[in-house]
Amino acid sequence: MTGEMKTREFMYTLTDIVRQQLGPEMQDFQTIGPTMSLVKLHYGEPAVHYEVCVRKRQREIELGLLVGCGEVQRDGGLRQR
């Protein structure tokens, strides 16, 4: 297991690594998390965020851009802002 990084260590260093790789105009993102397997990066609107999810059992890292459309109520309806 030489050179392997623990998932927790990866998640906690990811935002610093991403920030270093971006140009100055893109470095001012905010984060939600990390949890043990998920971190979200956004620019002031959490509903629109980049997401990194470690799926350890599948040995995958999932990356995505998620665009929300408002807050979802518990009954499945959307709340208007």
PDB file of N, CA and C in Angstrom:
ATOM      1  N   MET A   1       0.821  -1.189   0.000  1.00  0.00           N
ATOM      2  CA  MET A   1       0.000   0.000   0.000  1.00  0.00           C
ATOM      3  C   MET A   1       0.867   1.257   0.000  1.00  0.00           C
ATOM      4  N   THR A   2       1.976   1.182  -0.625  1.00  0.00           N
ATOM      5  CA  THR A   2       2.887   2.318  -0.702  1.00  0.00           C
ATOM      6  C   THR A   2       2.261   3.461  -1.488  1.00  0.00           C
ATOM      7  N   GLY A   3       2.361   4.667  -0.941  1.00  0.00           N
ATOM      8  CA  GLY A   3       1.890   5.850  -1.643  1.00  0.00           C
ATOM      9  C   GLY A   3       0.394   6.088  -1.576  1.00  0.00           C
ATOM     10  N   GLU A   4      -0.366   5.240  -0.881  1.00  0.00           N
ATOM     11  CA  GLU A   4      -1.803   5.439  -0.791  1.00  0.00           C
ATOM     12  C   GLU A   4      -2.140   6.471   0.273  1.00  0.00           C
ATOM     13  N   MET A   5      -3.147   7.278  -0.009  1.00  0.00           N
ATOM     14  CA  MET A   5      -3.606   8.300   0.918  1.00  0.00           C
ATOM     15  C   MET A   5      -4.946   7.847   1.484  1.00  0.00           C
ATOM     16  N   LYS A   6      -5.139   8.019   2.766  1.00  0.00           N
ATOM     17  CA  LYS A   6      -6.415   7.704   3.395  1.00  0.00           C
ATOM     18  C   LYS A   6      -7.488   8.656   2.870  1.00  0.00           C
ATOM     19  N   THR A   7      -8.711   8.180   2.763  1.00  0.00           N
ATOM     20  CA  THR A   7      -9.815   8.995   2.252  1.00  0.00           C
ATOM     21  C   THR A   7      -9.976  10.273   3.058  1.00  0.00           C
ATOM     22  N   ARG A   8      -9.940  10.188   4.355  1.00  0.00           N
ATOM     23  CA  ARG A   8     -10.106  11.362   5.209  1.00  0.00           C
ATOM     24  C   ARG A   8      -9.022  12.406   4.924  1.00  0.00           C
ATOM     25  N   GLU A   9      -7.783  11.958   4.797  1.00  0.00           N
ATOM     26  CA  GLU A   9      -6.667  12.863   4.498  1.00  0.00           C
ATOM     27  C   GLU A   9      -6.875  13.528   3.133  1.00  0.00           C
ATOM     28  N   PHE A  10      -7.301  12.743   2.154  1.00  0.00           N
ATOM     29  CA  PHE A  10      -7.573  13.277   0.822  1.00  0.00           C
ATOM     30  C   PHE A  10      -8.637  14.363   0.874  1.00  0.00           C
ATOM     31  N   MET A  11      -9.744  14.101   1.556  1.00  0.00           N
ATOM     32  CA  MET A  11     -10.848  15.053   1.614  1.00  0.00           C
ATOM     33  C   MET A  11     -10.432  16.350   2.309  1.00  0.00           C
ATOM     34  N   TYR A  12      -9.596  16.253   3.335  1.00  0.00           N
ATOM     35  CA  TYR A  12      -9.200  17.452   4.073  1.00  0.00           C
ATOM     36  C   TYR A  12      -8.104  18.257   3.374  1.00  0.00           C
ATOM     37  N   THR A  13      -7.378  17.664   2.450  1.00  0.00           N
ATOM     38  CA  THR A  13      -6.354  18.415   1.713  1.00  0.00           C
ATOM     39  C   THR A  13      -6.831  18.870   0.334  1.00  0.00           C
ATOM     40  N   LEU A  14      -7.949  18.319  -0.123  1.00  0.00           N
ATOM     41  CA  LEU A  14      -8.438  18.586  -1.473  1.00  0.00           C
ATOM     42  C   LEU A  14      -8.675  20.067  -1.745  1.00  0.00           C
ATOM     43  N   THR A  15      -9.343  20.774  -0.847  1.00  0.00           N
ATOM     44  CA  THR A  15      -9.655  22.181  -1.125  1.00  0.00           C
ATOM     45  C   THR A  15      -8.392  23.027  -1.240  1.00  0.00           C
ATOM     46  N   ASP A  16      -7.387  22.749  -0.416  1.00  0.00           N
ATOM     47  CA  ASP A  16      -6.124  23.482  -0.527  1.00  0.00           C
ATOM     48  C   ASP A  16      -5.441  23.219  -1.869  1.00  0.00           C
ATOM     49  N   ILE A  17      -5.462  21.979  -2.298  1.00  0.00           N
ATOM     50  CA  ILE A  17      -4.840  21.615  -3.573  1.00  0.00           C
ATOM     51  C   ILE A  17      -5.582  22.271  -4.734  1.00  0.00           C
ATOM     52  N   VAL A  18      -6.907  22.236  -4.704  1.00  0.00           N
ATOM     53  CA  VAL A  18      -7.702  22.863  -5.767  1.00  0.00           C
ATOM     54  C   VAL A  18      -7.419  24.356  -5.819  1.00  0.00           C
ATOM     55  N   ARG A  19      -7.415  25.009  -4.659  1.00  0.00           N
ATOM     56  CA  ARG A  19      -7.189  26.459  -4.594  1.00  0.00           C
ATOM     57  C   ARG A  19      -5.829  26.822  -5.208  1.00  0.00           C
ATOM     58  N   GLN A  20      -4.797  26.010  -4.950  1.00  0.00           N
ATOM     59  CA  GLN A  20      -3.464  26.264  -5.490  1.00  0.00           C
ATOM     60  C   GLN A  20      -3.418  26.124  -7.014  1.00  0.00           C
ATOM     61  N   GLN A  21      -4.296  25.286  -7.566  1.00  0.00           N
ATOM     62  CA  GLN A  21      -4.280  25.025  -9.004  1.00  0.00           C
ATOM     63  C   GLN A  21      -5.094  26.037  -9.811  1.00  0.00           C
ATOM     64  N   LEU A  22      -5.926  26.822  -9.133  1.00  0.00           N
ATOM     65  CA  LEU A  22      -6.774  27.793  -9.818  1.00  0.00           C
ATOM     66  C   LEU A  22      -6.104  29.151  -9.909  1.00  0.00           C
ATOM     67  N   GLY A  23      -6.505  29.918 -10.893  1.00  0.00           N
ATOM     68  CA  GLY A  23      -6.037  31.293 -11.005  1.00  0.00           C
ATOM     69  C   GLY A  23      -6.598  32.130  -9.870  1.00  0.00           C
ATOM     70  N   PRO A  24      -5.974  33.272  -9.582  1.00  0.00           N
ATOM     71  CA  PRO A  24      -6.394  34.115  -8.455  1.00  0.00           C
ATOM     72  C   PRO A  24      -7.875  34.492  -8.477  1.00  0.00           C
ATOM     73  N   GLU A  25      -8.435  34.707  -9.654  1.00  0.00           N
ATOM     74  CA  GLU A  25      -9.837  35.109  -9.742  1.00  0.00           C
ATOM     75  C   GLU A  25     -10.815  33.989  -9.383  1.00  0.00           C
ATOM     76  N   MET A  26     -10.338  32.750  -9.314  1.00  0.00           N
ATOM     77  CA  MET A  26     -11.208  31.607  -9.001  1.00  0.00           C
ATOM     78  C   MET A  26     -10.922  30.986  -7.633  1.00  0.00           C
ATOM     79  N   GLN A  27      -9.976  31.508  -6.888  1.00  0.00           N
ATOM     80  CA  GLN A  27      -9.559  30.898  -5.626  1.00  0.00           C
ATOM     81  C   GLN A  27     -10.473  31.206  -4.448  1.00  0.00           C
ATOM     82  N   ASP A  28     -11.412  32.116  -4.610  1.00  0.00           N
ATOM     83  CA  ASP A  28     -12.241  32.559  -3.490  1.00  0.00           C
ATOM     84  C   ASP A  28     -13.522  31.731  -3.335  1.00  0.00           C
ATOM     85  N   PHE A  29     -13.436  30.426  -3.501  1.00  0.00           N
ATOM     86  CA  PHE A  29     -14.621  29.590  -3.328  1.00  0.00           C
ATOM     87  C   PHE A  29     -14.823  29.247  -1.851  1.00  0.00           C
ATOM     88  N   GLN A  30     -16.040  28.842  -1.538  1.00  0.00           N
ATOM     89  CA  GLN A  30     -16.394  28.413  -0.190  1.00  0.00           C
ATOM     90  C   GLN A  30     -16.623  26.912  -0.218  1.00  0.00           C
ATOM     91  N   THR A  31     -16.554  26.285   0.947  1.00  0.00           N
ATOM     92  CA  THR A  31     -16.741  24.841   0.999  1.00  0.00           C
ATOM     93  C   THR A  31     -17.866  24.460   1.948  1.00  0.00           C
ATOM     94  N   ILE A  32     -18.459  23.323   1.659  1.00  0.00           N
ATOM     95  CA  ILE A  32     -19.376  22.647   2.561  1.00  0.00           C
ATOM     96  C   ILE A  32     -18.739  21.292   2.809  1.00  0.00           C
ATOM     97  N   GLY A  33     -18.447  21.010   4.045  1.00  0.00           N
ATOM     98  CA  GLY A  33     -17.704  19.798   4.377  1.00  0.00           C
ATOM     99  C   GLY A  33     -16.245  20.155   4.557  1.00  0.00           C
ATOM    100  N   PRO A  34     -15.388  19.211   4.464  1.00  0.00           N
ATOM    101  CA  PRO A  34     -15.638  17.861   3.997  1.00  0.00           C
ATOM    102  C   PRO A  34     -16.225  16.965   5.087  1.00  0.00           C
ATOM    103  N   THR A  35     -16.922  15.934   4.618  1.00  0.00           N
ATOM    104  CA  THR A  35     -17.318  14.834   5.478  1.00  0.00           C
ATOM    105  C   THR A  35     -16.302  13.728   5.202  1.00  0.00           C
ATOM    106  N   MET A  36     -16.601  12.542   5.611  1.00  0.00           N
ATOM    107  CA  MET A  36     -15.672  11.434   5.356  1.00  0.00           C
ATOM    108  C   MET A  36     -15.526  11.122   3.869  1.00  0.00           C
ATOM    109  N   SER A  37     -16.564  11.449   3.061  1.00  0.00           N
ATOM    110  CA  SER A  37     -16.481  11.073   1.646  1.00  0.00           C
ATOM    111  C   SER A  37     -16.990  12.135   0.674  1.00  0.00           C
ATOM    112  N   LEU A  38     -17.340  13.333   1.164  1.00  0.00           N
ATOM    113  CA  LEU A  38     -17.953  14.325   0.294  1.00  0.00           C
ATOM    114  C   LEU A  38     -17.478  15.729   0.648  1.00  0.00           C
ATOM    115  N   VAL A  39     -17.188  16.524  -0.374  1.00  0.00           N
ATOM    116  CA  VAL A  39     -16.901  17.942  -0.188  1.00  0.00           C
ATOM    117  C   VAL A  39     -17.547  18.692  -1.348  1.00  0.00           C
ATOM    118  N   LYS A  40     -18.115  19.868  -1.031  1.00  0.00           N
ATOM    119  CA  LYS A  40     -18.757  20.708  -2.040  1.00  0.00           C
ATOM    120  C   LYS A  40     -18.040  22.053  -2.087  1.00  0.00           C
ATOM    121  N   LEU A  41     -17.807  22.545  -3.282  1.00  0.00           N
ATOM    122  CA  LEU A  41     -17.152  23.833  -3.498  1.00  0.00           C
ATOM    123  C   LEU A  41     -18.124  24.739  -4.239  1.00  0.00           C
ATOM    124  N   HIS A  42     -18.319  25.968  -3.741  1.00  0.00           N
ATOM    125  CA  HIS A  42     -19.250  26.881  -4.399  1.00  0.00           C
ATOM    126  C   HIS A  42     -18.747  28.316  -4.307  1.00  0.00           C
ATOM    127  N   TYR A  43     -19.344  29.162  -5.112  1.00  0.00           N
ATOM    128  CA  TYR A  43     -18.970  30.577  -5.172  1.00  0.00           C
ATOM    129  C   TYR A  43     -20.115  31.454  -4.672  1.00  0.00           C
ATOM    130  N   GLY A  44     -20.594  31.188  -3.466  1.00  0.00           N
ATOM    131  CA  GLY A  44     -21.598  32.034  -2.841  1.00  0.00           C
ATOM    132  C   GLY A  44     -23.026  31.538  -2.942  1.00  0.00           C
ATOM    133  N   GLU A  45     -23.309  30.642  -3.844  1.00  0.00           N
ATOM    134  CA  GLU A  45     -24.651  30.055  -3.966  1.00  0.00           C
ATOM    135  C   GLU A  45     -24.512  28.539  -3.818  1.00  0.00           C
ATOM    136  N   PRO A  46     -24.740  28.019  -2.601  1.00  0.00           N
ATOM    137  CA  PRO A  46     -24.531  26.592  -2.361  1.00  0.00           C
ATOM    138  C   PRO A  46     -25.346  25.656  -3.250  1.00  0.00           C
ATOM    139  N   ALA A  47     -26.473  26.128  -3.777  1.00  0.00           N
ATOM    140  CA  ALA A  47     -27.273  25.274  -4.660  1.00  0.00           C
ATOM    141  C   ALA A  47     -26.546  24.969  -5.969  1.00  0.00           C
ATOM    142  N   VAL A  48     -25.597  25.822  -6.336  1.00  0.00           N
ATOM    143  CA  VAL A  48     -24.785  25.607  -7.537  1.00  0.00           C
ATOM    144  C   VAL A  48     -23.367  25.335  -7.050  1.00  0.00           C
ATOM    145  N   HIS A  49     -22.956  24.073  -7.126  1.00  0.00           N
ATOM    146  CA  HIS A  49     -21.664  23.720  -6.547  1.00  0.00           C
ATOM    147  C   HIS A  49     -20.992  22.577  -7.303  1.00  0.00           C
ATOM    148  N   TYR A  50     -19.692  22.526  -7.135  1.00  0.00           N
ATOM    149  CA  TYR A  50     -18.905  21.390  -7.594  1.00  0.00           C
ATOM    150  C   TYR A  50     -18.844  20.416  -6.427  1.00  0.00           C
ATOM    151  N   GLU A  51     -18.848  19.147  -6.746  1.00  0.00           N
ATOM    152  CA  GLU A  51     -18.895  18.137  -5.701  1.00  0.00           C
ATOM    153  C   GLU A  51     -17.868  17.049  -5.995  1.00  0.00           C
ATOM    154  N   VAL A  52     -17.175  16.638  -4.951  1.00  0.00           N
ATOM    155  CA  VAL A  52     -16.238  15.519  -5.044  1.00  0.00           C
ATOM    156  C   VAL A  52     -16.690  14.490  -4.021  1.00  0.00           C
ATOM    157  N   CYS A  53     -16.951  13.289  -4.498  1.00  0.00           N
ATOM    158  CA  CYS A  53     -17.435  12.223  -3.629  1.00  0.00           C
ATOM    159  C   CYS A  53     -16.546  10.995  -3.823  1.00  0.00           C
ATOM    160  N   VAL A  54     -16.013  10.487  -2.730  1.00  0.00           N
ATOM    161  CA  VAL A  54     -15.194   9.274  -2.783  1.00  0.00           C
ATOM    162  C   VAL A  54     -16.113   8.078  -2.544  1.00  0.00           C
ATOM    163  N   ARG A  55     -16.137   7.175  -3.505  1.00  0.00           N
ATOM    164  CA  ARG A  55     -16.933   5.946  -3.391  1.00  0.00           C
ATOM    165  C   ARG A  55     -15.950   4.799  -3.179  1.00  0.00           C
ATOM    166  N   LYS A  56     -15.607   4.604  -1.932  1.00  0.00           N
ATOM    167  CA  LYS A  56     -14.518   3.699  -1.565  1.00  0.00           C
ATOM    168  C   LYS A  56     -14.771   2.259  -2.014  1.00  0.00           C
ATOM    169  N   ARG A  57     -15.961   1.766  -1.800  1.00  0.00           N
ATOM    170  CA  ARG A  57     -16.252   0.372  -2.180  1.00  0.00           C
ATOM    171  C   ARG A  57     -16.101   0.141  -3.679  1.00  0.00           C
ATOM    172  N   GLN A  58     -16.485   1.143  -4.471  1.00  0.00           N
ATOM    173  CA  GLN A  58     -16.369   1.024  -5.925  1.00  0.00           C
ATOM    174  C   GLN A  58     -14.994   1.443  -6.421  1.00  0.00           C
ATOM    175  N   ARG A  59     -14.168   1.956  -5.509  1.00  0.00           N
ATOM    176  CA  ARG A  59     -12.828   2.445  -5.837  1.00  0.00           C
ATOM    177  C   ARG A  59     -12.918   3.544  -6.898  1.00  0.00           C
ATOM    178  N   GLU A  60     -13.837   4.496  -6.663  1.00  0.00           N
ATOM    179  CA  GLU A  60     -14.074   5.588  -7.604  1.00  0.00           C
ATOM    180  C   GLU A  60     -14.082   6.925  -6.880  1.00  0.00           C
ATOM    181  N   ILE A  61     -13.757   7.963  -7.619  1.00  0.00           N
ATOM    182  CA  ILE A  61     -13.941   9.336  -7.160  1.00  0.00           C
ATOM    183  C   ILE A  61     -14.884   9.977  -8.161  1.00  0.00           C
ATOM    184  N   GLU A  62     -16.004  10.460  -7.658  1.00  0.00           N
ATOM    185  CA  GLU A  62     -17.033  11.052  -8.500  1.00  0.00           C
ATOM    186  C   GLU A  62     -16.914  12.570  -8.433  1.00  0.00           C
ATOM    187  N   LEU A  63     -16.866  13.217  -9.587  1.00  0.00           N
ATOM    188  CA  LEU A  63     -16.789  14.670  -9.687  1.00  0.00           C
ATOM    189  C   LEU A  63     -18.032  15.163 -10.404  1.00  0.00           C
ATOM    190  N   GLY A  64     -18.545  16.308  -9.966  1.00  0.00           N
ATOM    191  CA  GLY A  64     -19.725  16.805 -10.647  1.00  0.00           C
ATOM    192  C   GLY A  64     -19.963  18.280 -10.409  1.00  0.00           C
ATOM    193  N   LEU A  65     -20.737  18.860 -11.293  1.00  0.00           N
ATOM    194  CA  LEU A  65     -21.250  20.205 -11.136  1.00  0.00           C
ATOM    195  C   LEU A  65     -22.743  20.043 -10.950  1.00  0.00           C
ATOM    196  N   LEU A  66     -23.250  20.461  -9.801  1.00  0.00           N
ATOM    197  CA  LEU A  66     -24.664  20.322  -9.503  1.00  0.00           C
ATOM    198  C   LEU A  66     -25.312  21.697  -9.484  1.00  0.00           C
ATOM    199  N   VAL A  67     -26.445  21.801 -10.157  1.00  0.00           N
ATOM    200  CA  VAL A  67     -27.167  23.058 -10.240  1.00  0.00           C
ATOM    201  C   VAL A  67     -28.540  22.831  -9.632  1.00  0.00           C
ATOM    202  N   GLY A  68     -28.759  23.391  -8.437  1.00  0.00           N
ATOM    203  CA  GLY A  68     -30.037  23.245  -7.756  1.00  0.00           C
ATOM    204  C   GLY A  68     -31.046  24.244  -8.283  1.00  0.00           C
ATOM    205  N   CYS A  69     -32.307  24.025  -7.932  1.00  0.00           N
ATOM    206  CA  CYS A  69     -33.355  24.918  -8.415  1.00  0.00           C
ATOM    207  C   CYS A  69     -34.190  25.452  -7.254  1.00  0.00           C
ATOM    208  N   GLY A  70     -33.609  25.582  -6.095  1.00  0.00           N
ATOM    209  CA  GLY A  70     -34.342  26.093  -4.940  1.00  0.00           C
ATOM    210  C   GLY A  70     -34.343  25.072  -3.828  1.00  0.00           C
ATOM    211  N   GLU A  71     -34.892  25.465  -2.718  1.00  0.00           N
ATOM    212  CA  GLU A  71     -34.944  24.566  -1.573  1.00  0.00           C
ATOM    213  C   GLU A  71     -36.110  23.605  -1.733  1.00  0.00           C
ATOM    214  N   VAL A  72     -35.894  22.352  -1.428  1.00  0.00           N
ATOM    215  CA  VAL A  72     -36.930  21.334  -1.537  1.00  0.00           C
ATOM    216  C   VAL A  72     -37.566  21.143  -0.167  1.00  0.00           C
ATOM    217  N   GLN A  73     -38.889  21.210  -0.113  1.00  0.00           N
ATOM    218  CA  GLN A  73     -39.592  20.958   1.128  1.00  0.00           C
ATOM    219  C   GLN A  73     -39.641  19.470   1.383  1.00  0.00           C
ATOM    220  N   ARG A  74     -39.941  19.086   2.602  1.00  0.00           N
ATOM    221  CA  ARG A  74     -40.012  17.663   2.935  1.00  0.00           C
ATOM    222  C   ARG A  74     -41.065  16.917   2.136  1.00  0.00           C
ATOM    223  N   ASP A  75     -42.136  17.584   1.725  1.00  0.00           N
ATOM    224  CA  ASP A  75     -43.182  16.924   0.945  1.00  0.00           C
ATOM    225  C   ASP A  75     -42.831  16.817  -0.540  1.00  0.00           C
ATOM    226  N   GLY A  76     -41.617  17.267  -0.893  1.00  0.00           N
ATOM    227  CA  GLY A  76     -41.160  17.152  -2.286  1.00  0.00           C
ATOM    228  C   GLY A  76     -41.431  18.388  -3.114  1.00  0.00           C
ATOM    229  N   GLY A  77     -42.171  19.354  -2.583  1.00  0.00           N
ATOM    230  CA  GLY A  77     -42.455  20.569  -3.336  1.00  0.00           C
ATOM    231  C   GLY A  77     -41.296  21.553  -3.226  1.00  0.00           C
ATOM    232  N   LEU A  78     -41.316  22.569  -4.066  1.00  0.00           N
ATOM    233  CA  LEU A  78     -40.272  23.586  -4.034  1.00  0.00           C
ATOM    234  C   LEU A  78     -40.776  24.819  -3.321  1.00  0.00           C
ATOM    235  N   ARG A  79     -39.920  25.418  -2.526  1.00  0.00           N
ATOM    236  CA  ARG A  79     -40.233  26.682  -1.872  1.00  0.00           C
ATOM    237  C   ARG A  79     -39.780  27.805  -2.757  1.00  0.00           C
ATOM    238  N   GLN A  80     -40.559  28.828  -2.860  1.00  0.00           N
ATOM    239  CA  GLN A  80     -40.180  30.010  -3.623  1.00  0.00           C
ATOM    240  C   GLN A  80     -39.339  30.903  -2.735  1.00  0.00           C
ATOM    241  N   ARG A  81     -38.320  31.524  -3.302  1.00  0.00           N
ATOM    242  CA  ARG A  81     -37.493  32.461  -2.527  1.00  0.00           C
ATOM    243  C   ARG A  81     -37.988  33.853  -2.740  1.00  0.00           C
TER     244      ARG A  81
END
